[in-house]
């Protein structure tokens, strides 16, 4: 199958309509289903989609890093995004993410395709945490018990990256989850 990708919005919309058949063909030829080539300077065949300058369709965070049925609070009533009284420090502070309480050892999954930008152990506030970057987005998964990825590693959406813990300034086991777009913290509930 040859897919000609051009600049126009109409062509992009047409390609998105064909995407399900492209994904099934790409998957059988060994290309991950979460990537597609888009470059306005050239035309590509489906076999060329594995080249370096790909745009990742799943680079925008989606869903929760912990399976919903394992979270020990009602979504979205978990400790949410915004200013709050810090439970340990006792002062009003910006909570730049959401807290998802779960049993210690529960798997934490990446919510998007990207690269592990940072792995930190023993941070005074966040404890053990992982940062994944892709395009304009950065996600942070904090208070982890163990981290399953290494800096520089490429990860897929849904890949296990860490386990829930109680490290750093934390009152109970949970995954603190942040999303930044172009360096600005945004409410993760907008991406669920």
Foldseek 3Di string as FASTA:
>chain_A
DFQFAADDPVSVVVVVVVLVVLLVVLVVVPHHSQWAAHDHVDGGGSVCRVDDPTAGNFQDFADFQAPPVQFPDDPPVFAFFAWDQQPPVRHTDGQLFGKGAGDWFGFGWGRGWFFWADFDAQDQAFHTKTWGHDDQKIKIWGQFPFFDDDGGDTHHGGDGGTTWHAGHPGDHTIITMWMDGNRHTDTCVVRD
